[in-house]
Amino acid sequence: MSDAQPPKTKPPEWISCQELTEQLLDYVSDTLELEMRGRLERHFKLCPPCFKFLREYRMLPQLCQRTLQHAMPDEAAERLTAFLRARAWDDHDPSGPSTS
């Protein structure tokens, strides 16, 4: 009988939640290399918060589509425009708008 042991395989390297989020678009777009895709899938199996985030991330395009189907109320549009104009002025001139 031989005492030869099969070579030990190195366990796959763990990917952090932060690293996962940086690769998520490529994962969903199916453009990741096979090894990285496997690392993410192992992470999803062992990290319920990241798996939940993946489900929500995949729903985002439909949510945006539904949101864009509704018109913004006039009052809200006017307030937003005024806010953005004031903000743009503040960024342009820290002394604020002139009153003269």
PDB file of N, CA and C in Angstrom:
ATOM      1  N   MET A   1       0.822  -1.181   0.000  1.00  0.00           N
ATOM      2  CA  MET A   1       0.000   0.000   0.000  1.00  0.00           C
ATOM      3  C   MET A   1       0.863   1.241   0.000  1.00  0.00           C
ATOM      4  N   SER A   2       0.405   2.243  -0.693  1.00  0.00           N
ATOM      5  CA  SER A   2       1.159   3.476  -0.772  1.00  0.00           C
ATOM      6  C   SER A   2       0.678   4.459   0.286  1.00  0.00           C
ATOM      7  N   ASP A   3       1.637   5.178   0.850  1.00  0.00           N
ATOM      8  CA  ASP A   3       1.307   6.199   1.844  1.00  0.00           C
ATOM      9  C   ASP A   3       1.079   7.560   1.196  1.00  0.00           C
ATOM     10  N   ALA A   4       1.078   7.604  -0.105  1.00  0.00           N
ATOM     11  CA  ALA A   4       0.934   8.886  -0.793  1.00  0.00           C
ATOM     12  C   ALA A   4      -0.456   9.470  -0.542  1.00  0.00           C
ATOM     13  N   GLN A   5      -0.448  10.690  -0.154  1.00  0.00           N
ATOM     14  CA  GLN A   5      -1.695  11.420   0.091  1.00  0.00           C
ATOM     15  C   GLN A   5      -2.005  12.271  -1.138  1.00  0.00           C
ATOM     16  N   PRO A   6      -3.282  12.422  -1.446  1.00  0.00           N
ATOM     17  CA  PRO A   6      -3.608  13.333  -2.552  1.00  0.00           C
ATOM     18  C   PRO A   6      -3.195  14.748  -2.163  1.00  0.00           C
ATOM     19  N   PRO A   7      -2.790  15.549  -3.133  1.00  0.00           N
ATOM     20  CA  PRO A   7      -2.377  16.917  -2.785  1.00  0.00           C
ATOM     21  C   PRO A   7      -3.538  17.685  -2.164  1.00  0.00           C
ATOM     22  N   LYS A   8      -3.191  18.425  -1.124  1.00  0.00           N
ATOM     23  CA  LYS A   8      -4.223  19.239  -0.466  1.00  0.00           C
ATOM     24  C   LYS A   8      -4.508  20.458  -1.327  1.00  0.00           C
ATOM     25  N   THR A   9      -5.776  20.736  -1.470  1.00  0.00           N
ATOM     26  CA  THR A   9      -6.148  21.925  -2.225  1.00  0.00           C
ATOM     27  C   THR A   9      -6.355  23.076  -1.255  1.00  0.00           C
ATOM     28  N   LYS A  10      -5.921  24.210  -1.670  1.00  0.00           N
ATOM     29  CA  LYS A  10      -6.043  25.416  -0.853  1.00  0.00           C
ATOM     30  C   LYS A  10      -7.495  25.877  -0.882  1.00  0.00           C
ATOM     31  N   PRO A  11      -8.060  26.185   0.284  1.00  0.00           N
ATOM     32  CA  PRO A  11      -9.450  26.675   0.271  1.00  0.00           C
ATOM     33  C   PRO A  11      -9.529  28.013  -0.464  1.00  0.00           C
ATOM     34  N   PRO A  12     -10.650  28.263  -1.104  1.00  0.00           N
ATOM     35  CA  PRO A  12     -10.769  29.528  -1.843  1.00  0.00           C
ATOM     36  C   PRO A  12     -10.651  30.720  -0.900  1.00  0.00           C
ATOM     37  N   GLU A  13     -10.013  31.750  -1.403  1.00  0.00           N
ATOM     38  CA  GLU A  13      -9.824  32.967  -0.609  1.00  0.00           C
ATOM     39  C   GLU A  13     -11.176  33.650  -0.385  1.00  0.00           C
ATOM     40  N   TRP A  14     -11.410  34.091   0.854  1.00  0.00           N
ATOM     41  CA  TRP A  14     -12.657  34.766   1.197  1.00  0.00           C
ATOM     42  C   TRP A  14     -12.652  36.177   0.645  1.00  0.00           C
ATOM     43  N   ILE A  15     -13.753  36.596   0.111  1.00  0.00           N
ATOM     44  CA  ILE A  15     -13.898  37.958  -0.395  1.00  0.00           C
ATOM     45  C   ILE A  15     -14.716  38.743   0.622  1.00  0.00           C
ATOM     46  N   SER A  16     -14.302  39.955   0.915  1.00  0.00           N
ATOM     47  CA  SER A  16     -15.011  40.778   1.904  1.00  0.00           C
ATOM     48  C   SER A  16     -16.293  41.350   1.303  1.00  0.00           C
ATOM     49  N   CYS A  17     -17.160  41.823   2.166  1.00  0.00           N
ATOM     50  CA  CYS A  17     -18.408  42.450   1.707  1.00  0.00           C
ATOM     51  C   CYS A  17     -18.101  43.670   0.840  1.00  0.00           C
ATOM     52  N   GLN A  18     -17.089  44.450   1.226  1.00  0.00           N
ATOM     53  CA  GLN A  18     -16.700  45.631   0.447  1.00  0.00           C
ATOM     54  C   GLN A  18     -16.218  45.229  -0.949  1.00  0.00           C
ATOM     55  N   GLU A  19     -15.363  44.217  -1.013  1.00  0.00           N
ATOM     56  CA  GLU A  19     -14.877  43.746  -2.311  1.00  0.00           C
ATOM     57  C   GLU A  19     -16.037  43.244  -3.162  1.00  0.00           C
ATOM     58  N   LEU A  20     -16.972  42.578  -2.529  1.00  0.00           N
ATOM     59  CA  LEU A  20     -18.136  42.058  -3.244  1.00  0.00           C
ATOM     60  C   LEU A  20     -18.916  43.197  -3.893  1.00  0.00           C
ATOM     61  N   THR A  21     -19.171  44.264  -3.148  1.00  0.00           N
ATOM     62  CA  THR A  21     -19.957  45.372  -3.709  1.00  0.00           C
ATOM     63  C   THR A  21     -19.234  46.020  -4.883  1.00  0.00           C
ATOM     64  N   GLU A  22     -17.889  46.013  -4.852  1.00  0.00           N
ATOM     65  CA  GLU A  22     -17.130  46.596  -5.953  1.00  0.00           C
ATOM     66  C   GLU A  22     -17.226  45.748  -7.225  1.00  0.00           C
ATOM     67  N   GLN A  23     -17.559  44.478  -7.090  1.00  0.00           N
ATOM     68  CA  GLN A  23     -17.645  43.558  -8.229  1.00  0.00           C
ATOM     69  C   GLN A  23     -19.089  43.274  -8.649  1.00  0.00           C
ATOM     70  N   LEU A  24     -20.049  43.850  -7.933  1.00  0.00           N
ATOM     71  CA  LEU A  24     -21.449  43.470  -8.114  1.00  0.00           C
ATOM     72  C   LEU A  24     -21.989  43.754  -9.519  1.00  0.00           C
ATOM     73  N   LEU A  25     -21.673  44.902 -10.072  1.00  0.00           N
ATOM     74  CA  LEU A  25     -22.172  45.224 -11.416  1.00  0.00           C
ATOM     75  C   LEU A  25     -21.668  44.201 -12.429  1.00  0.00           C
ATOM     76  N   ASP A  26     -20.388  43.855 -12.348  1.00  0.00           N
ATOM     77  CA  ASP A  26     -19.836  42.857 -13.264  1.00  0.00           C
ATOM     78  C   ASP A  26     -20.457  41.484 -13.028  1.00  0.00           C
ATOM     79  N   TYR A  27     -20.769  41.168 -11.773  1.00  0.00           N
ATOM     80  CA  TYR A  27     -21.418  39.890 -11.464  1.00  0.00           C
ATOM     81  C   TYR A  27     -22.796  39.827 -12.108  1.00  0.00           C
ATOM     82  N   VAL A  28     -23.587  40.864 -11.905  1.00  0.00           N
ATOM     83  CA  VAL A  28     -24.953  40.896 -12.438  1.00  0.00           C
ATOM     84  C   VAL A  28     -24.925  40.948 -13.974  1.00  0.00           C
ATOM     85  N   SER A  29     -23.914  41.610 -14.535  1.00  0.00           N
ATOM     86  CA  SER A  29     -23.780  41.707 -15.991  1.00  0.00           C
ATOM     87  C   SER A  29     -23.156  40.455 -16.603  1.00  0.00           C
ATOM     88  N   ASP A  30     -22.755  39.523 -15.753  1.00  0.00           N
ATOM     89  CA  ASP A  30     -22.142  38.259 -16.181  1.00  0.00           C
ATOM     90  C   ASP A  30     -20.861  38.496 -16.975  1.00  0.00           C
ATOM     91  N   THR A  31     -20.017  39.414 -16.478  1.00  0.00           N
ATOM     92  CA  THR A  31     -18.749  39.706 -17.152  1.00  0.00           C
ATOM     93  C   THR A  31     -17.544  39.379 -16.272  1.00  0.00           C
ATOM     94  N   LEU A  32     -17.764  38.738 -15.149  1.00  0.00           N
ATOM     95  CA  LEU A  32     -16.654  38.373 -14.256  1.00  0.00           C
ATOM     96  C   LEU A  32     -15.964  37.108 -14.724  1.00  0.00           C
ATOM     97  N   GLU A  33     -14.681  37.015 -14.397  1.00  0.00           N
ATOM     98  CA  GLU A  33     -13.965  35.765 -14.637  1.00  0.00           C
ATOM     99  C   GLU A  33     -14.580  34.693 -13.752  1.00  0.00           C
ATOM    100  N   LEU A  34     -14.487  33.457 -14.191  1.00  0.00           N
ATOM    101  CA  LEU A  34     -15.115  32.328 -13.507  1.00  0.00           C
ATOM    102  C   LEU A  34     -14.670  32.225 -12.046  1.00  0.00           C
ATOM    103  N   GLU A  35     -13.382  32.414 -11.783  1.00  0.00           N
ATOM    104  CA  GLU A  35     -12.867  32.279 -10.415  1.00  0.00           C
ATOM    105  C   GLU A  35     -13.487  33.332  -9.489  1.00  0.00           C
ATOM    106  N   MET A  36     -13.554  34.574  -9.949  1.00  0.00           N
ATOM    107  CA  MET A  36     -14.125  35.650  -9.126  1.00  0.00           C
ATOM    108  C   MET A  36     -15.628  35.430  -8.956  1.00  0.00           C
ATOM    109  N   ARG A  37     -16.286  34.992  -9.993  1.00  0.00           N
ATOM    110  CA  ARG A  37     -17.729  34.706  -9.895  1.00  0.00           C
ATOM    111  C   ARG A  37     -17.975  33.652  -8.815  1.00  0.00           C
ATOM    112  N   GLY A  38     -17.159  32.615  -8.789  1.00  0.00           N
ATOM    113  CA  GLY A  38     -17.288  31.578  -7.772  1.00  0.00           C
ATOM    114  C   GLY A  38     -17.064  32.123  -6.375  1.00  0.00           C
ATOM    115  N   ARG A  39     -16.101  33.021  -6.230  1.00  0.00           N
ATOM    116  CA  ARG A  39     -15.843  33.632  -4.914  1.00  0.00           C
ATOM    117  C   ARG A  39     -17.060  34.419  -4.435  1.00  0.00           C
ATOM    118  N   LEU A  40     -17.661  35.174  -5.345  1.00  0.00           N
ATOM    119  CA  LEU A  40     -18.848  35.942  -4.970  1.00  0.00           C
ATOM    120  C   LEU A  40     -20.002  35.012  -4.609  1.00  0.00           C
ATOM    121  N   GLU A  41     -20.204  33.957  -5.378  1.00  0.00           N
ATOM    122  CA  GLU A  41     -21.302  33.035  -5.101  1.00  0.00           C
ATOM    123  C   GLU A  41     -21.115  32.329  -3.762  1.00  0.00           C
ATOM    124  N   ARG A  42     -19.866  31.974  -3.418  1.00  0.00           N
ATOM    125  CA  ARG A  42     -19.605  31.393  -2.094  1.00  0.00           C
ATOM    126  C   ARG A  42     -19.945  32.405  -1.002  1.00  0.00           C
ATOM    127  N   HIS A  43     -19.592  33.661  -1.237  1.00  0.00           N
ATOM    128  CA  HIS A  43     -19.881  34.706  -0.256  1.00  0.00           C
ATOM    129  C   HIS A  43     -21.392  34.858  -0.079  1.00  0.00           C
ATOM    130  N   PHE A  44     -22.141  34.890  -1.181  1.00  0.00           N
ATOM    131  CA  PHE A  44     -23.595  35.024  -1.096  1.00  0.00           C
ATOM    132  C   PHE A  44     -24.217  33.893  -0.275  1.00  0.00           C
ATOM    133  N   LYS A  45     -23.676  32.688  -0.414  1.00  0.00           N
ATOM    134  CA  LYS A  45     -24.220  31.548   0.325  1.00  0.00           C
ATOM    135  C   LYS A  45     -23.990  31.664   1.823  1.00  0.00           C
ATOM    136  N   LEU A  46     -22.921  32.355   2.222  1.00  0.00           N
ATOM    137  CA  LEU A  46     -22.553  32.426   3.633  1.00  0.00           C
ATOM    138  C   LEU A  46     -22.840  33.781   4.277  1.00  0.00           C
ATOM    139  N   CYS A  47     -23.333  34.740   3.502  1.00  0.00           N
ATOM    140  CA  CYS A  47     -23.558  36.093   4.034  1.00  0.00           C
ATOM    141  C   CYS A  47     -24.967  36.566   3.650  1.00  0.00           C
ATOM    142  N   PRO A  48     -25.962  36.297   4.508  1.00  0.00           N
ATOM    143  CA  PRO A  48     -27.338  36.705   4.190  1.00  0.00           C
ATOM    144  C   PRO A  48     -27.504  38.191   3.866  1.00  0.00           C
ATOM    145  N   PRO A  49     -26.811  39.116   4.553  1.00  0.00           N
ATOM    146  CA  PRO A  49     -27.000  40.530   4.181  1.00  0.00           C
ATOM    147  C   PRO A  49     -26.554  40.827   2.745  1.00  0.00           C
ATOM    148  N   CYS A  50     -25.470  40.204   2.298  1.00  0.00           N
ATOM    149  CA  CYS A  50     -25.012  40.433   0.927  1.00  0.00           C
ATOM    150  C   CYS A  50     -25.963  39.786  -0.081  1.00  0.00           C
ATOM    151  N   PHE A  51     -26.517  38.637   0.259  1.00  0.00           N
ATOM    152  CA  PHE A  51     -27.483  37.992  -0.635  1.00  0.00           C
ATOM    153  C   PHE A  51     -28.729  38.867  -0.760  1.00  0.00           C
ATOM    154  N   LYS A  52     -29.169  39.452   0.350  1.00  0.00           N
ATOM    155  CA  LYS A  52     -30.319  40.364   0.319  1.00  0.00           C
ATOM    156  C   LYS A  52     -29.992  41.585  -0.539  1.00  0.00           C
ATOM    157  N   PHE A  53     -28.779  42.112  -0.390  1.00  0.00           N
ATOM    158  CA  PHE A  53     -28.353  43.269  -1.178  1.00  0.00           C
ATOM    159  C   PHE A  53     -28.365  42.932  -2.670  1.00  0.00           C
ATOM    160  N   LEU A  54     -27.920  41.732  -3.026  1.00  0.00           N
ATOM    161  CA  LEU A  54     -27.936  41.295  -4.422  1.00  0.00           C
ATOM    162  C   LEU A  54     -29.359  41.291  -4.967  1.00  0.00           C
ATOM    163  N   ARG A  55     -30.301  40.744  -4.203  1.00  0.00           N
ATOM    164  CA  ARG A  55     -31.698  40.714  -4.664  1.00  0.00           C
ATOM    165  C   ARG A  55     -32.218  42.131  -4.887  1.00  0.00           C
ATOM    166  N   GLU A  56     -31.922  43.028  -3.945  1.00  0.00           N
ATOM    167  CA  GLU A  56     -32.381  44.411  -4.072  1.00  0.00           C
ATOM    168  C   GLU A  56     -31.692  45.120  -5.238  1.00  0.00           C
ATOM    169  N   TYR A  57     -30.422  44.841  -5.429  1.00  0.00           N
ATOM    170  CA  TYR A  57     -29.655  45.432  -6.522  1.00  0.00           C
ATOM    171  C   TYR A  57     -30.235  45.033  -7.875  1.00  0.00           C
ATOM    172  N   ARG A  58     -30.638  43.783  -7.975  1.00  0.00           N
ATOM    173  CA  ARG A  58     -31.229  43.305  -9.227  1.00  0.00           C
ATOM    174  C   ARG A  58     -32.589  43.947  -9.499  1.00  0.00           C
ATOM    175  N   MET A  59     -33.291  44.384  -8.460  1.00  0.00           N
ATOM    176  CA  MET A  59     -34.609  45.006  -8.624  1.00  0.00           C
ATOM    177  C   MET A  59     -34.506  46.495  -8.950  1.00  0.00           C
ATOM    178  N   LEU A  60     -33.339  47.085  -8.800  1.00  0.00           N
ATOM    179  CA  LEU A  60     -33.167  48.527  -8.960  1.00  0.00           C
ATOM    180  C   LEU A  60     -33.605  49.052 -10.333  1.00  0.00           C
ATOM    181  N   PRO A  61     -33.243  48.416 -11.450  1.00  0.00           N
ATOM    182  CA  PRO A  61     -33.696  48.964 -12.741  1.00  0.00           C
ATOM    183  C   PRO A  61     -35.217  49.066 -12.866  1.00  0.00           C
ATOM    184  N   GLN A  62     -35.951  48.043 -12.399  1.00  0.00           N
ATOM    185  CA  GLN A  62     -37.417  48.108 -12.478  1.00  0.00           C
ATOM    186  C   GLN A  62     -37.958  49.213 -11.569  1.00  0.00           C
ATOM    187  N   LEU A  63     -37.359  49.378 -10.403  1.00  0.00           N
ATOM    188  CA  LEU A  63     -37.795  50.427  -9.480  1.00  0.00           C
ATOM    189  C   LEU A  63     -37.586  51.804 -10.097  1.00  0.00           C
ATOM    190  N   CYS A  64     -36.448  52.012 -10.721  1.00  0.00           N
ATOM    191  CA  CYS A  64     -36.184  53.304 -11.372  1.00  0.00           C
ATOM    192  C   CYS A  64     -37.159  53.547 -12.510  1.00  0.00           C
ATOM    193  N   GLN A  65     -37.431  52.513 -13.291  1.00  0.00           N
ATOM    194  CA  GLN A  65     -38.391  52.654 -14.395  1.00  0.00           C
ATOM    195  C   GLN A  65     -39.764  53.076 -13.889  1.00  0.00           C
ATOM    196  N   ARG A  66     -40.231  52.408 -12.834  1.00  0.00           N
ATOM    197  CA  ARG A  66     -41.551  52.747 -12.285  1.00  0.00           C
ATOM    198  C   ARG A  66     -41.561  54.156 -11.727  1.00  0.00           C
ATOM    199  N   THR A  67     -40.487  54.557 -11.083  1.00  0.00           N
ATOM    200  CA  THR A  67     -40.413  55.892 -10.495  1.00  0.00           C
ATOM    201  C   THR A  67     -40.448  56.965 -11.571  1.00  0.00           C
ATOM    202  N   LEU A  68     -39.745  56.731 -12.664  1.00  0.00           N
ATOM    203  CA  LEU A  68     -39.682  57.724 -13.733  1.00  0.00           C
ATOM    204  C   LEU A  68     -40.991  57.848 -14.504  1.00  0.00           C
ATOM    205  N   GLN A  69     -41.920  56.936 -14.310  1.00  0.00           N
ATOM    206  CA  GLN A  69     -43.208  57.009 -14.992  1.00  0.00           C
ATOM    207  C   GLN A  69     -44.125  58.049 -14.353  1.00  0.00           C
ATOM    208  N   HIS A  70     -43.779  58.528 -13.162  1.00  0.00           N
ATOM    209  CA  HIS A  70     -44.602  59.498 -12.454  1.00  0.00           C
ATOM    210  C   HIS A  70     -43.991  60.891 -12.568  1.00  0.00           C
ATOM    211  N   ALA A  71     -44.820  61.862 -12.865  1.00  0.00           N
ATOM    212  CA  ALA A  71     -44.353  63.241 -12.967  1.00  0.00           C
ATOM    213  C   ALA A  71     -44.182  63.834 -11.570  1.00  0.00           C
ATOM    214  N   MET A  72     -43.191  64.696 -11.447  1.00  0.00           N
ATOM    215  CA  MET A  72     -42.963  65.384 -10.181  1.00  0.00           C
ATOM    216  C   MET A  72     -44.008  66.494 -10.051  1.00  0.00           C
ATOM    217  N   PRO A  73     -44.633  66.642  -8.891  1.00  0.00           N
ATOM    218  CA  PRO A  73     -45.590  67.742  -8.702  1.00  0.00           C
ATOM    219  C   PRO A  73     -44.911  69.098  -8.943  1.00  0.00           C
ATOM    220  N   ASP A  74     -45.664  70.040  -9.496  1.00  0.00           N
ATOM    221  CA  ASP A  74     -45.107  71.357  -9.833  1.00  0.00           C
ATOM    222  C   ASP A  74     -44.440  72.023  -8.640  1.00  0.00           C
ATOM    223  N   GLU A  75     -45.107  71.990  -7.485  1.00  0.00           N
ATOM    224  CA  GLU A  75     -44.538  72.641  -6.297  1.00  0.00           C
ATOM    225  C   GLU A  75     -43.192  72.029  -5.927  1.00  0.00           C
ATOM    226  N   ALA A  76     -43.091  70.720  -5.992  1.00  0.00           N
ATOM    227  CA  ALA A  76     -41.828  70.053  -5.666  1.00  0.00           C
ATOM    228  C   ALA A  76     -40.753  70.415  -6.687  1.00  0.00           C
ATOM    229  N   ALA A  77     -41.116  70.479  -7.962  1.00  0.00           N
ATOM    230  CA  ALA A  77     -40.160  70.841  -9.007  1.00  0.00           C
ATOM    231  C   ALA A  77     -39.640  72.264  -8.802  1.00  0.00           C
ATOM    232  N   GLU A  78     -40.539  73.180  -8.443  1.00  0.00           N
ATOM    233  CA  GLU A  78     -40.138  74.572  -8.207  1.00  0.00           C
ATOM    234  C   GLU A  78     -39.208  74.678  -7.003  1.00  0.00           C
ATOM    235  N   ARG A  79     -39.527  73.973  -5.927  1.00  0.00           N
ATOM    236  CA  ARG A  79     -38.676  74.004  -4.734  1.00  0.00           C
ATOM    237  C   ARG A  79     -37.308  73.390  -5.012  1.00  0.00           C
ATOM    238  N   LEU A  80     -37.292  72.302  -5.772  1.00  0.00           N
ATOM    239  CA  LEU A  80     -36.025  71.663  -6.113  1.00  0.00           C
ATOM    240  C   LEU A  80     -35.184  72.584  -6.991  1.00  0.00           C
ATOM    241  N   THR A  81     -35.802  73.224  -7.968  1.00  0.00           N
ATOM    242  CA  THR A  81     -35.083  74.157  -8.841  1.00  0.00           C
ATOM    243  C   THR A  81     -34.487  75.302  -8.029  1.00  0.00           C
ATOM    244  N   ALA A  82     -35.271  75.863  -7.110  1.00  0.00           N
ATOM    245  CA  ALA A  82     -34.777  76.960  -6.278  1.00  0.00           C
ATOM    246  C   ALA A  82     -33.607  76.496  -5.406  1.00  0.00           C
ATOM    247  N   PHE A  83     -33.721  75.318  -4.844  1.00  0.00           N
ATOM    248  CA  PHE A  83     -32.647  74.779  -4.007  1.00  0.00           C
ATOM    249  C   PHE A  83     -31.370  74.600  -4.818  1.00  0.00           C
ATOM    250  N   LEU A  84     -31.494  74.000  -6.005  1.00  0.00           N
ATOM    251  CA  LEU A  84     -30.317  73.754  -6.836  1.00  0.00           C
ATOM    252  C   LEU A  84     -29.676  75.052  -7.313  1.00  0.00           C
ATOM    253  N   ARG A  85     -30.486  76.035  -7.649  1.00  0.00           N
ATOM    254  CA  ARG A  85     -29.937  77.337  -8.064  1.00  0.00           C
ATOM    255  C   ARG A  85     -29.182  77.987  -6.904  1.00  0.00           C
ATOM    256  N   ALA A  86     -29.771  77.957  -5.715  1.00  0.00           N
ATOM    257  CA  ALA A  86     -29.105  78.535  -4.546  1.00  0.00           C
ATOM    258  C   ALA A  86     -27.804  77.789  -4.251  1.00  0.00           C
ATOM    259  N   ARG A  87     -27.848  76.490  -4.366  1.00  0.00           N
ATOM    260  CA  ARG A  87     -26.655  75.669  -4.102  1.00  0.00           C
ATOM    261  C   ARG A  87     -25.566  75.962  -5.131  1.00  0.00           C
ATOM    262  N   ALA A  88     -25.956  76.091  -6.395  1.00  0.00           N
ATOM    263  CA  ALA A  88     -24.985  76.391  -7.452  1.00  0.00           C
ATOM    264  C   ALA A  88     -24.363  77.762  -7.204  1.00  0.00           C
ATOM    265  N   TRP A  89     -25.181  78.718  -6.759  1.00  0.00           N
ATOM    266  CA  TRP A  89     -24.663  80.057  -6.469  1.00  0.00           C
ATOM    267  C   TRP A  89     -23.683  79.995  -5.298  1.00  0.00           C
ATOM    268  N   ASP A  90     -24.030  79.245  -4.251  1.00  0.00           N
ATOM    269  CA  ASP A  90     -23.155  79.109  -3.086  1.00  0.00           C
ATOM    270  C   ASP A  90     -21.819  78.497  -3.473  1.00  0.00           C
ATOM    271  N   ASP A  91     -21.836  77.519  -4.357  1.00  0.00           N
ATOM    272  CA  ASP A  91     -20.599  76.873  -4.798  1.00  0.00           C
ATOM    273  C   ASP A  91     -19.768  77.814  -5.661  1.00  0.00           C
ATOM    274  N   HIS A  92     -20.454  78.723  -6.366  1.00  0.00           N
ATOM    275  CA  HIS A  92     -19.773  79.653  -7.265  1.00  0.00           C
ATOM    276  C   HIS A  92     -19.201  80.847  -6.499  1.00  0.00           C
ATOM    277  N   ASP A  93     -19.949  81.378  -5.558  1.00  0.00           N
ATOM    278  CA  ASP A  93     -19.550  82.569  -4.818  1.00  0.00           C
ATOM    279  C   ASP A  93     -19.852  82.384  -3.345  1.00  0.00           C
ATOM    280  N   PRO A  94     -18.827  82.086  -2.526  1.00  0.00           N
ATOM    281  CA  PRO A  94     -19.073  81.822  -1.112  1.00  0.00           C
ATOM    282  C   PRO A  94     -19.676  83.003  -0.349  1.00  0.00           C
ATOM    283  N   SER A  95     -19.587  84.220  -0.901  1.00  0.00           N
ATOM    284  CA  SER A  95     -20.154  85.367  -0.189  1.00  0.00           C
ATOM    285  C   SER A  95     -21.671  85.409  -0.305  1.00  0.00           C
ATOM    286  N   GLY A  96     -22.234  84.552  -1.177  1.00  0.00           N
ATOM    287  CA  GLY A  96     -23.685  84.482  -1.316  1.00  0.00           C
ATOM    288  C   GLY A  96     -24.180  85.386  -2.404  1.00  0.00           C
ATOM    289  N   PRO A  97     -25.481  85.281  -2.709  1.00  0.00           N
ATOM    290  CA  PRO A  97     -26.041  86.123  -3.782  1.00  0.00           C
ATOM    291  C   PRO A  97     -26.094  87.573  -3.329  1.00  0.00           C
ATOM    292  N   SER A  98     -25.887  88.459  -4.295  1.00  0.00           N
ATOM    293  CA  SER A  98     -25.948  89.893  -3.947  1.00  0.00           C
ATOM    294  C   SER A  98     -27.394  90.320  -3.859  1.00  0.00           C
ATOM    295  N   THR A  99     -27.653  91.278  -3.012  1.00  0.00           N
ATOM    296  CA  THR A  99     -29.034  91.768  -2.826  1.00  0.00           C
ATOM    297  C   THR A  99     -29.247  93.088  -3.539  1.00  0.00           C
ATOM    298  N   SER A 100     -28.231  93.566  -4.272  1.00  0.00           N
ATOM    299  CA  SER A 100     -28.402  94.842  -4.965  1.00  0.00           C
ATOM    300  C   SER A 100     -28.892  94.688  -6.367  1.00  0.00           C
TER     301      SER A 100
END
